[in-house]
Amino acid sequence: EREFVATITWSGGNTYYAGSVKGRFT
C-alpha cells in the first residue's frame, strides 16, 4: 500500500518524516 514518506508545511516549513527515512531523506 501507499505509505507516507515526508511532508512540509507551506508557510512555516515544518517537516515530518516517516521513521524509516528519518535521518536519510530531507
mmCIF file of all heavy atoms, coordinates in Angstrom:
data_MODEL
# 
_entry.id   MODEL 
# 
loop_
_atom_site.group_PDB 
_atom_site.id 
_atom_site.type_symbol 
_atom_site.label_atom_id 
_atom_site.label_alt_id 
_atom_site.label_comp_id 
_atom_site.label_asym_id 
_atom_site.label_entity_id 
_atom_site.label_seq_id 
_atom_site.pdbx_PDB_ins_code 
_atom_site.Cartn_x 
_atom_site.Cartn_y 
_atom_site.Cartn_z 
_atom_site.occupancy 
_atom_site.B_iso_or_equiv 
_atom_site.pdbx_formal_charge 
_atom_site.auth_seq_id 
_atom_site.auth_comp_id 
_atom_site.auth_asym_id 
_atom_site.auth_atom_id 
_atom_site.pdbx_PDB_model_num 
ATOM 1   N N   . GLU A 1 1  ? 0.826  -1.194 0.000  1.00 0.00 ? 1  GLU A N   1 
ATOM 2   C CA  . GLU A 1 1  ? 0.000  0.000  0.000  1.00 0.00 ? 1  GLU A CA  1 
ATOM 3   C C   . GLU A 1 1  ? 0.866  1.251  0.000  1.00 0.00 ? 1  GLU A C   1 
ATOM 4   O O   . GLU A 1 1  ? 2.025  1.227  0.413  1.00 0.00 ? 1  GLU A O   1 
ATOM 5   C CB  . GLU A 1 1  ? -0.932 0.008  1.207  1.00 0.00 ? 1  GLU A CB  1 
ATOM 6   C CG  . GLU A 1 1  ? -1.960 -1.108 1.207  1.00 0.00 ? 1  GLU A CG  1 
ATOM 7   C CD  . GLU A 1 1  ? -2.948 -0.989 2.338  1.00 0.00 ? 1  GLU A CD  1 
ATOM 8   O OE1 . GLU A 1 1  ? -2.995 0.073  2.988  1.00 0.00 ? 1  GLU A OE1 1 
ATOM 9   O OE2 . GLU A 1 1  ? -3.680 -1.956 2.570  1.00 0.00 ? 1  GLU A OE2 1 
ATOM 10  N N   . ARG A 1 2  ? 0.283  2.336  -0.454 1.00 0.00 ? 2  ARG A N   1 
ATOM 11  C CA  . ARG A 1 2  ? 0.980  3.605  -0.456 1.00 0.00 ? 2  ARG A CA  1 
ATOM 12  C C   . ARG A 1 2  ? 1.235  4.059  0.981  1.00 0.00 ? 2  ARG A C   1 
ATOM 13  O O   . ARG A 1 2  ? 0.344  3.998  1.830  1.00 0.00 ? 2  ARG A O   1 
ATOM 14  C CB  . ARG A 1 2  ? 0.156  4.645  -1.209 1.00 0.00 ? 2  ARG A CB  1 
ATOM 15  C CG  . ARG A 1 2  ? 0.913  5.917  -1.545 1.00 0.00 ? 2  ARG A CG  1 
ATOM 16  C CD  . ARG A 1 2  ? 0.120  6.776  -2.528 1.00 0.00 ? 2  ARG A CD  1 
ATOM 17  N NE  . ARG A 1 2  ? -0.135 6.062  -3.766 1.00 0.00 ? 2  ARG A NE  1 
ATOM 18  C CZ  . ARG A 1 2  ? -0.739 6.589  -4.818 1.00 0.00 ? 2  ARG A CZ  1 
ATOM 19  N NH1 . ARG A 1 2  ? -1.149 7.858  -4.782 1.00 0.00 ? 2  ARG A NH1 1 
ATOM 20  N NH2 . ARG A 1 2  ? -0.937 5.859  -5.907 1.00 0.00 ? 2  ARG A NH2 1 
ATOM 21  N N   . GLU A 1 3  ? 2.450  4.526  1.239  1.00 0.00 ? 3  GLU A N   1 
ATOM 22  C CA  . GLU A 1 3  ? 2.816  4.925  2.580  1.00 0.00 ? 3  GLU A CA  1 
ATOM 23  C C   . GLU A 1 3  ? 3.426  6.318  2.610  1.00 0.00 ? 3  GLU A C   1 
ATOM 24  O O   . GLU A 1 3  ? 4.044  6.778  1.649  1.00 0.00 ? 3  GLU A O   1 
ATOM 25  C CB  . GLU A 1 3  ? 3.793  3.923  3.207  1.00 0.00 ? 3  GLU A CB  1 
ATOM 26  C CG  . GLU A 1 3  ? 5.146  3.868  2.523  1.00 0.00 ? 3  GLU A CG  1 
ATOM 27  C CD  . GLU A 1 3  ? 6.117  2.926  3.214  1.00 0.00 ? 3  GLU A CD  1 
ATOM 28  O OE1 . GLU A 1 3  ? 5.716  2.240  4.170  1.00 0.00 ? 3  GLU A OE1 1 
ATOM 29  O OE2 . GLU A 1 3  ? 7.292  2.873  2.793  1.00 0.00 ? 3  GLU A OE2 1 
ATOM 30  N N   . PHE A 1 4  ? 3.262  6.958  3.734  1.00 0.00 ? 4  PHE A N   1 
ATOM 31  C CA  . PHE A 1 4  ? 3.795  8.291  3.951  1.00 0.00 ? 4  PHE A CA  1 
ATOM 32  C C   . PHE A 1 4  ? 5.312  8.262  4.023  1.00 0.00 ? 4  PHE A C   1 
ATOM 33  O O   . PHE A 1 4  ? 5.904  7.355  4.613  1.00 0.00 ? 4  PHE A O   1 
ATOM 34  C CB  . PHE A 1 4  ? 3.215  8.854  5.253  1.00 0.00 ? 4  PHE A CB  1 
ATOM 35  C CG  . PHE A 1 4  ? 3.891  10.101 5.731  1.00 0.00 ? 4  PHE A CG  1 
ATOM 36  C CD1 . PHE A 1 4  ? 3.651  11.322 5.119  1.00 0.00 ? 4  PHE A CD1 1 
ATOM 37  C CD2 . PHE A 1 4  ? 4.764  10.058 6.798  1.00 0.00 ? 4  PHE A CD2 1 
ATOM 38  C CE1 . PHE A 1 4  ? 4.263  12.474 5.559  1.00 0.00 ? 4  PHE A CE1 1 
ATOM 39  C CE2 . PHE A 1 4  ? 5.385  11.201 7.253  1.00 0.00 ? 4  PHE A CE2 1 
ATOM 40  C CZ  . PHE A 1 4  ? 5.135  12.409 6.634  1.00 0.00 ? 4  PHE A CZ  1 
ATOM 41  N N   . VAL A 1 5  ? 5.942  9.274  3.433  1.00 0.00 ? 5  VAL A N   1 
ATOM 42  C CA  . VAL A 1 5  ? 7.391  9.411  3.475  1.00 0.00 ? 5  VAL A CA  1 
ATOM 43  C C   . VAL A 1 5  ? 7.798  10.688 4.212  1.00 0.00 ? 5  VAL A C   1 
ATOM 44  O O   . VAL A 1 5  ? 8.537  10.646 5.192  1.00 0.00 ? 5  VAL A O   1 
ATOM 45  C CB  . VAL A 1 5  ? 8.002  9.412  2.062  1.00 0.00 ? 5  VAL A CB  1 
ATOM 46  C CG1 . VAL A 1 5  ? 9.506  9.671  2.133  1.00 0.00 ? 5  VAL A CG1 1 
ATOM 47  C CG2 . VAL A 1 5  ? 7.728  8.091  1.360  1.00 0.00 ? 5  VAL A CG2 1 
ATOM 48  N N   . ALA A 1 6  ? 7.314  11.819 3.726  1.00 0.00 ? 6  ALA A N   1 
ATOM 49  C CA  . ALA A 1 6  ? 7.685  13.100 4.317  1.00 0.00 ? 6  ALA A CA  1 
ATOM 50  C C   . ALA A 1 6  ? 6.707  14.171 3.880  1.00 0.00 ? 6  ALA A C   1 
ATOM 51  O O   . ALA A 1 6  ? 6.069  14.058 2.830  1.00 0.00 ? 6  ALA A O   1 
ATOM 52  C CB  . ALA A 1 6  ? 9.106  13.501 3.911  1.00 0.00 ? 6  ALA A CB  1 
ATOM 53  N N   . THR A 1 7  ? 6.600  15.228 4.658  1.00 0.00 ? 7  THR A N   1 
ATOM 54  C CA  . THR A 1 7  ? 5.757  16.351 4.287  1.00 0.00 ? 7  THR A CA  1 
ATOM 55  C C   . THR A 1 7  ? 6.351  17.628 4.851  1.00 0.00 ? 7  THR A C   1 
ATOM 56  O O   . THR A 1 7  ? 7.143  17.592 5.802  1.00 0.00 ? 7  THR A O   1 
ATOM 57  C CB  . THR A 1 7  ? 4.307  16.163 4.778  1.00 0.00 ? 7  THR A CB  1 
ATOM 58  O OG1 . THR A 1 7  ? 3.457  17.163 4.189  1.00 0.00 ? 7  THR A OG1 1 
ATOM 59  C CG2 . THR A 1 7  ? 4.222  16.271 6.294  1.00 0.00 ? 7  THR A CG2 1 
ATOM 60  N N   . ILE A 1 8  ? 5.972  18.747 4.267  1.00 0.00 ? 8  ILE A N   1 
ATOM 61  C CA  . ILE A 1 8  ? 6.437  20.044 4.720  1.00 0.00 ? 8  ILE A CA  1 
ATOM 62  C C   . ILE A 1 8  ? 5.296  21.036 4.628  1.00 0.00 ? 8  ILE A C   1 
ATOM 63  O O   . ILE A 1 8  ? 4.584  21.090 3.627  1.00 0.00 ? 8  ILE A O   1 
ATOM 64  C CB  . ILE A 1 8  ? 7.666  20.512 3.907  1.00 0.00 ? 8  ILE A CB  1 
ATOM 65  C CG1 . ILE A 1 8  ? 8.217  21.833 4.456  1.00 0.00 ? 8  ILE A CG1 1 
ATOM 66  C CG2 . ILE A 1 8  ? 7.332  20.641 2.421  1.00 0.00 ? 8  ILE A CG2 1 
ATOM 67  C CD1 . ILE A 1 8  ? 9.595  22.185 3.903  1.00 0.00 ? 8  ILE A CD1 1 
ATOM 68  N N   . THR A 1 9  ? 5.095  21.819 5.674  1.00 0.00 ? 9  THR A N   1 
ATOM 69  C CA  . THR A 1 9  ? 4.055  22.837 5.634  1.00 0.00 ? 9  THR A CA  1 
ATOM 70  C C   . THR A 1 9  ? 4.520  23.993 4.770  1.00 0.00 ? 9  THR A C   1 
ATOM 71  O O   . THR A 1 9  ? 5.707  24.335 4.746  1.00 0.00 ? 9  THR A O   1 
ATOM 72  C CB  . THR A 1 9  ? 3.694  23.333 7.040  1.00 0.00 ? 9  THR A CB  1 
ATOM 73  O OG1 . THR A 1 9  ? 4.833  23.937 7.661  1.00 0.00 ? 9  THR A OG1 1 
ATOM 74  C CG2 . THR A 1 9  ? 3.210  22.181 7.911  1.00 0.00 ? 9  THR A CG2 1 
ATOM 75  N N   . TRP A 1 10 ? 3.585  24.591 4.036  1.00 0.00 ? 10 TRP A N   1 
ATOM 76  C CA  . TRP A 1 10 ? 3.957  25.570 3.028  1.00 0.00 ? 10 TRP A CA  1 
ATOM 77  C C   . TRP A 1 10 ? 4.444  26.883 3.602  1.00 0.00 ? 10 TRP A C   1 
ATOM 78  O O   . TRP A 1 10 ? 5.404  27.470 3.106  1.00 0.00 ? 10 TRP A O   1 
ATOM 79  C CB  . TRP A 1 10 ? 2.795  25.805 2.074  1.00 0.00 ? 10 TRP A CB  1 
ATOM 80  C CG  . TRP A 1 10 ? 3.251  26.207 0.721  1.00 0.00 ? 10 TRP A CG  1 
ATOM 81  C CD1 . TRP A 1 10 ? 2.985  27.380 0.079  1.00 0.00 ? 10 TRP A CD1 1 
ATOM 82  C CD2 . TRP A 1 10 ? 4.057  25.441 -0.173 1.00 0.00 ? 10 TRP A CD2 1 
ATOM 83  N NE1 . TRP A 1 10 ? 3.574  27.398 -1.150 1.00 0.00 ? 10 TRP A NE1 1 
ATOM 84  C CE2 . TRP A 1 10 ? 4.248  26.208 -1.341 1.00 0.00 ? 10 TRP A CE2 1 
ATOM 85  C CE3 . TRP A 1 10 ? 4.640  24.167 -0.110 1.00 0.00 ? 10 TRP A CE3 1 
ATOM 86  C CZ2 . TRP A 1 10 ? 4.992  25.758 -2.420 1.00 0.00 ? 10 TRP A CZ2 1 
ATOM 87  C CZ3 . TRP A 1 10 ? 5.391  23.716 -1.181 1.00 0.00 ? 10 TRP A CZ3 1 
ATOM 88  C CH2 . TRP A 1 10 ? 5.555  24.510 -2.321 1.00 0.00 ? 10 TRP A CH2 1 
ATOM 89  N N   . SER A 1 11 ? 3.786  27.364 4.630  1.00 0.00 ? 11 SER A N   1 
ATOM 90  C CA  . SER A 1 11 ? 4.156  28.661 5.186  1.00 0.00 ? 11 SER A CA  1 
ATOM 91  C C   . SER A 1 11 ? 5.263  28.566 6.229  1.00 0.00 ? 11 SER A C   1 
ATOM 92  O O   . SER A 1 11 ? 6.226  29.333 6.188  1.00 0.00 ? 11 SER A O   1 
ATOM 93  C CB  . SER A 1 11 ? 2.929  29.351 5.784  1.00 0.00 ? 11 SER A CB  1 
ATOM 94  O OG  . SER A 1 11 ? 2.352  28.569 6.817  1.00 0.00 ? 11 SER A OG  1 
ATOM 95  N N   . GLY A 1 12 ? 5.126  27.641 7.150  1.00 0.00 ? 12 GLY A N   1 
ATOM 96  C CA  . GLY A 1 12 ? 6.088  27.551 8.234  1.00 0.00 ? 12 GLY A CA  1 
ATOM 97  C C   . GLY A 1 12 ? 7.310  26.698 7.949  1.00 0.00 ? 12 GLY A C   1 
ATOM 98  O O   . GLY A 1 12 ? 8.336  26.841 8.620  1.00 0.00 ? 12 GLY A O   1 
ATOM 99  N N   . GLY A 1 13 ? 7.214  25.806 6.965  1.00 0.00 ? 13 GLY A N   1 
ATOM 100 C CA  . GLY A 1 13 ? 8.329  24.942 6.648  1.00 0.00 ? 13 GLY A CA  1 
ATOM 101 C C   . GLY A 1 13 ? 8.564  23.833 7.660  1.00 0.00 ? 13 GLY A C   1 
ATOM 102 O O   . GLY A 1 13 ? 9.662  23.260 7.712  1.00 0.00 ? 13 GLY A O   1 
ATOM 103 N N   . ASN A 1 14 ? 7.570  23.520 8.456  1.00 0.00 ? 14 ASN A N   1 
ATOM 104 C CA  . ASN A 1 14 ? 7.692  22.422 9.403  1.00 0.00 ? 14 ASN A CA  1 
ATOM 105 C C   . ASN A 1 14 ? 7.702  21.098 8.657  1.00 0.00 ? 14 ASN A C   1 
ATOM 106 O O   . ASN A 1 14 ? 6.921  20.895 7.734  1.00 0.00 ? 14 ASN A O   1 
ATOM 107 C CB  . ASN A 1 14 ? 6.542  22.448 10.400 1.00 0.00 ? 14 ASN A CB  1 
ATOM 108 C CG  . ASN A 1 14 ? 6.437  23.765 11.136 1.00 0.00 ? 14 ASN A CG  1 
ATOM 109 O OD1 . ASN A 1 14 ? 5.505  24.536 10.936 1.00 0.00 ? 14 ASN A OD1 1 
ATOM 110 N ND2 . ASN A 1 14 ? 7.414  24.023 11.999 1.00 0.00 ? 14 ASN A ND2 1 
ATOM 111 N N   . THR A 1 15 ? 8.575  20.209 9.064  1.00 0.00 ? 15 THR A N   1 
ATOM 112 C CA  . THR A 1 15 ? 8.734  18.938 8.369  1.00 0.00 ? 15 THR A CA  1 
ATOM 113 C C   . THR A 1 15 ? 8.377  17.764 9.257  1.00 0.00 ? 15 THR A C   1 
ATOM 114 O O   . THR A 1 15 ? 8.528  17.811 10.483 1.00 0.00 ? 15 THR A O   1 
ATOM 115 C CB  . THR A 1 15 ? 10.170 18.766 7.862  1.00 0.00 ? 15 THR A CB  1 
ATOM 116 O OG1 . THR A 1 15 ? 11.080 18.834 8.977  1.00 0.00 ? 15 THR A OG1 1 
ATOM 117 C CG2 . THR A 1 15 ? 10.521 19.857 6.866  1.00 0.00 ? 15 THR A CG2 1 
ATOM 118 N N   . TYR A 1 16 ? 7.915  16.709 8.607  1.00 0.00 ? 16 TYR A N   1 
ATOM 119 C CA  . TYR A 1 16 ? 7.580  15.465 9.276  1.00 0.00 ? 16 TYR A CA  1 
ATOM 120 C C   . TYR A 1 16 ? 8.073  14.322 8.396  1.00 0.00 ? 16 TYR A C   1 
ATOM 121 O O   . TYR A 1 16 ? 7.944  14.368 7.181  1.00 0.00 ? 16 TYR A O   1 
ATOM 122 C CB  . TYR A 1 16 ? 6.073  15.339 9.501  1.00 0.00 ? 16 TYR A CB  1 
ATOM 123 C CG  . TYR A 1 16 ? 5.476  16.496 10.255 1.00 0.00 ? 16 TYR A CG  1 
ATOM 124 C CD1 . TYR A 1 16 ? 5.046  17.637 9.577  1.00 0.00 ? 16 TYR A CD1 1 
ATOM 125 C CD2 . TYR A 1 16 ? 5.345  16.455 11.640 1.00 0.00 ? 16 TYR A CD2 1 
ATOM 126 C CE1 . TYR A 1 16 ? 4.505  18.711 10.261 1.00 0.00 ? 16 TYR A CE1 1 
ATOM 127 C CE2 . TYR A 1 16 ? 4.801  17.528 12.328 1.00 0.00 ? 16 TYR A CE2 1 
ATOM 128 C CZ  . TYR A 1 16 ? 4.386  18.650 11.641 1.00 0.00 ? 16 TYR A CZ  1 
ATOM 129 O OH  . TYR A 1 16 ? 3.846  19.710 12.326 1.00 0.00 ? 16 TYR A OH  1 
ATOM 130 N N   . TYR A 1 17 ? 8.627  13.287 9.030  1.00 0.00 ? 17 TYR A N   1 
ATOM 131 C CA  . TYR A 1 17 ? 9.195  12.164 8.293  1.00 0.00 ? 17 TYR A CA  1 
ATOM 132 C C   . TYR A 1 17 ? 8.716  10.836 8.846  1.00 0.00 ? 17 TYR A C   1 
ATOM 133 O O   . TYR A 1 17 ? 8.496  10.696 10.050 1.00 0.00 ? 17 TYR A O   1 
ATOM 134 C CB  . TYR A 1 17 ? 10.719 12.181 8.366  1.00 0.00 ? 17 TYR A CB  1 
ATOM 135 C CG  . TYR A 1 17 ? 11.367 13.382 7.727  1.00 0.00 ? 17 TYR A CG  1 
ATOM 136 C CD1 . TYR A 1 17 ? 11.649 14.515 8.471  1.00 0.00 ? 17 TYR A CD1 1 
ATOM 137 C CD2 . TYR A 1 17 ? 11.707 13.364 6.383  1.00 0.00 ? 17 TYR A CD2 1 
ATOM 138 C CE1 . TYR A 1 17 ? 12.255 15.616 7.888  1.00 0.00 ? 17 TYR A CE1 1 
ATOM 139 C CE2 . TYR A 1 17 ? 12.311 14.461 5.789  1.00 0.00 ? 17 TYR A CE2 1 
ATOM 140 C CZ  . TYR A 1 17 ? 12.587 15.583 6.551  1.00 0.00 ? 17 TYR A CZ  1 
ATOM 141 O OH  . TYR A 1 17 ? 13.189 16.674 5.968  1.00 0.00 ? 17 TYR A OH  1 
ATOM 142 N N   . ALA A 1 18 ? 8.593  9.880  7.963  1.00 0.00 ? 18 ALA A N   1 
ATOM 143 C CA  . ALA A 1 18 ? 8.374  8.520  8.400  1.00 0.00 ? 18 ALA A CA  1 
ATOM 144 C C   . ALA A 1 18 ? 9.641  8.017  9.083  1.00 0.00 ? 18 ALA A C   1 
ATOM 145 O O   . ALA A 1 18 ? 10.760 8.394  8.715  1.00 0.00 ? 18 ALA A O   1 
ATOM 146 C CB  . ALA A 1 18 ? 8.033  7.627  7.211  1.00 0.00 ? 18 ALA A CB  1 
ATOM 147 N N   . GLY A 1 19 ? 9.469  7.177  10.082 1.00 0.00 ? 19 GLY A N   1 
ATOM 148 C CA  . GLY A 1 19 ? 10.621 6.673  10.811 1.00 0.00 ? 19 GLY A CA  1 
ATOM 149 C C   . GLY A 1 19 ? 11.615 5.937  9.938  1.00 0.00 ? 19 GLY A C   1 
ATOM 150 O O   . GLY A 1 19 ? 12.823 5.966  10.208 1.00 0.00 ? 19 GLY A O   1 
ATOM 151 N N   . SER A 1 20 ? 11.142 5.312  8.875  1.00 0.00 ? 20 SER A N   1 
ATOM 152 C CA  . SER A 1 20 ? 12.007 4.530  8.006  1.00 0.00 ? 20 SER A CA  1 
ATOM 153 C C   . SER A 1 20 ? 12.967 5.380  7.182  1.00 0.00 ? 20 SER A C   1 
ATOM 154 O O   . SER A 1 20 ? 13.960 4.864  6.668  1.00 0.00 ? 20 SER A O   1 
ATOM 155 C CB  . SER A 1 20 ? 11.164 3.661  7.069  1.00 0.00 ? 20 SER A CB  1 
ATOM 156 O OG  . SER A 1 20 ? 10.298 4.464  6.283  1.00 0.00 ? 20 SER A OG  1 
ATOM 157 N N   . VAL A 1 21 ? 12.678 6.677  7.046  1.00 0.00 ? 21 VAL A N   1 
ATOM 158 C CA  . VAL A 1 21 ? 13.522 7.539  6.218  1.00 0.00 ? 21 VAL A CA  1 
ATOM 159 C C   . VAL A 1 21 ? 14.160 8.673  7.001  1.00 0.00 ? 21 VAL A C   1 
ATOM 160 O O   . VAL A 1 21 ? 15.039 9.371  6.472  1.00 0.00 ? 21 VAL A O   1 
ATOM 161 C CB  . VAL A 1 21 ? 12.740 8.119  5.022  1.00 0.00 ? 21 VAL A CB  1 
ATOM 162 C CG1 . VAL A 1 21 ? 12.079 7.014  4.220  1.00 0.00 ? 21 VAL A CG1 1 
ATOM 163 C CG2 . VAL A 1 21 ? 11.701 9.139  5.495  1.00 0.00 ? 21 VAL A CG2 1 
ATOM 164 N N   . LYS A 1 22 ? 13.749 8.872  8.222  1.00 0.00 ? 22 LYS A N   1 
ATOM 165 C CA  . LYS A 1 22 ? 14.270 9.973  9.018  1.00 0.00 ? 22 LYS A CA  1 
ATOM 166 C C   . LYS A 1 22 ? 15.782 9.850  9.175  1.00 0.00 ? 22 LYS A C   1 
ATOM 167 O O   . LYS A 1 22 ? 16.304 8.789  9.486  1.00 0.00 ? 22 LYS A O   1 
ATOM 168 C CB  . LYS A 1 22 ? 13.593 9.999  10.385 1.00 0.00 ? 22 LYS A CB  1 
ATOM 169 C CG  . LYS A 1 22 ? 13.844 11.270 11.168 1.00 0.00 ? 22 LYS A CG  1 
ATOM 170 C CD  . LYS A 1 22 ? 12.985 11.320 12.418 1.00 0.00 ? 22 LYS A CD  1 
ATOM 171 C CE  . LYS A 1 22 ? 13.137 12.645 13.143 1.00 0.00 ? 22 LYS A CE  1 
ATOM 172 N NZ  . LYS A 1 22 ? 12.265 12.715 14.342 1.00 0.00 ? 22 LYS A NZ  1 
ATOM 173 N N   . GLY A 1 23 ? 16.474 10.951 8.943  1.00 0.00 ? 23 GLY A N   1 
ATOM 174 C CA  . GLY A 1 23 ? 17.922 10.955 9.003  1.00 0.00 ? 23 GLY A CA  1 
ATOM 175 C C   . GLY A 1 23 ? 18.583 10.682 7.667  1.00 0.00 ? 23 GLY A C   1 
ATOM 176 O O   . GLY A 1 23 ? 19.783 10.930 7.509  1.00 0.00 ? 23 GLY A O   1 
ATOM 177 N N   . ARG A 1 24 ? 17.828 10.166 6.707  1.00 0.00 ? 24 ARG A N   1 
ATOM 178 C CA  . ARG A 1 24 ? 18.356 9.882  5.373  1.00 0.00 ? 24 ARG A CA  1 
ATOM 179 C C   . ARG A 1 24 ? 17.741 10.770 4.295  1.00 0.00 ? 24 ARG A C   1 
ATOM 180 O O   . ARG A 1 24 ? 18.406 11.122 3.327  1.00 0.00 ? 24 ARG A O   1 
ATOM 181 C CB  . ARG A 1 24 ? 18.119 8.417  5.004  1.00 0.00 ? 24 ARG A CB  1 
ATOM 182 C CG  . ARG A 1 24 ? 18.798 7.431  5.935  1.00 0.00 ? 24 ARG A CG  1 
ATOM 183 C CD  . ARG A 1 24 ? 18.690 6.007  5.410  1.00 0.00 ? 24 ARG A CD  1 
ATOM 184 N NE  . ARG A 1 24 ? 17.302 5.562  5.332  1.00 0.00 ? 24 ARG A NE  1 
ATOM 185 C CZ  . ARG A 1 24 ? 16.697 5.188  4.210  1.00 0.00 ? 24 ARG A CZ  1 
ATOM 186 N NH1 . ARG A 1 24 ? 17.369 5.199  3.057  1.00 0.00 ? 24 ARG A NH1 1 
ATOM 187 N NH2 . ARG A 1 24 ? 15.439 4.781  4.228  1.00 0.00 ? 24 ARG A NH2 1 
ATOM 188 N N   . PHE A 1 25 ? 16.468 11.109 4.458  1.00 0.00 ? 25 PHE A N   1 
ATOM 189 C CA  . PHE A 1 25 ? 15.761 11.924 3.480  1.00 0.00 ? 25 PHE A CA  1 
ATOM 190 C C   . PHE A 1 25 ? 15.541 13.323 4.039  1.00 0.00 ? 25 PHE A C   1 
ATOM 191 O O   . PHE A 1 25 ? 15.352 13.504 5.247  1.00 0.00 ? 25 PHE A O   1 
ATOM 192 C CB  . PHE A 1 25 ? 14.399 11.325 3.141  1.00 0.00 ? 25 PHE A CB  1 
ATOM 193 C CG  . PHE A 1 25 ? 14.444 10.029 2.372  1.00 0.00 ? 25 PHE A CG  1 
ATOM 194 C CD1 . PHE A 1 25 ? 15.627 9.343  2.167  1.00 0.00 ? 25 PHE A CD1 1 
ATOM 195 C CD2 . PHE A 1 25 ? 13.265 9.506  1.856  1.00 0.00 ? 25 PHE A CD2 1 
ATOM 196 C CE1 . PHE A 1 25 ? 15.658 8.149  1.466  1.00 0.00 ? 25 PHE A CE1 1 
ATOM 197 C CE2 . PHE A 1 25 ? 13.282 8.314  1.150  1.00 0.00 ? 25 PHE A CE2 1 
ATOM 198 C CZ  . PHE A 1 25 ? 14.468 7.634  0.950  1.00 0.00 ? 25 PHE A CZ  1 
ATOM 199 N N   . THR A 1 26 ? 15.535 14.298 3.157  1.00 0.00 ? 26 THR A N   1 
ATOM 200 C CA  . THR A 1 26 ? 15.267 15.676 3.542  1.00 0.00 ? 26 THR A CA  1 
ATOM 201 C C   . THR A 1 26 ? 14.276 16.290 2.569  1.00 0.00 ? 26 THR A C   1 
ATOM 202 O O   . THR A 1 26 ? 14.500 16.280 1.361  1.00 0.00 ? 26 THR A O   1 
ATOM 203 C CB  . THR A 1 26 ? 16.554 16.516 3.552  1.00 0.00 ? 26 THR A CB  1 
ATOM 204 O OG1 . THR A 1 26 ? 17.520 15.925 4.422  1.00 0.00 ? 26 THR A OG1 1 
ATOM 205 C CG2 . THR A 1 26 ? 16.248 17.928 4.040  1.00 0.00 ? 26 THR A CG2 1 
# 
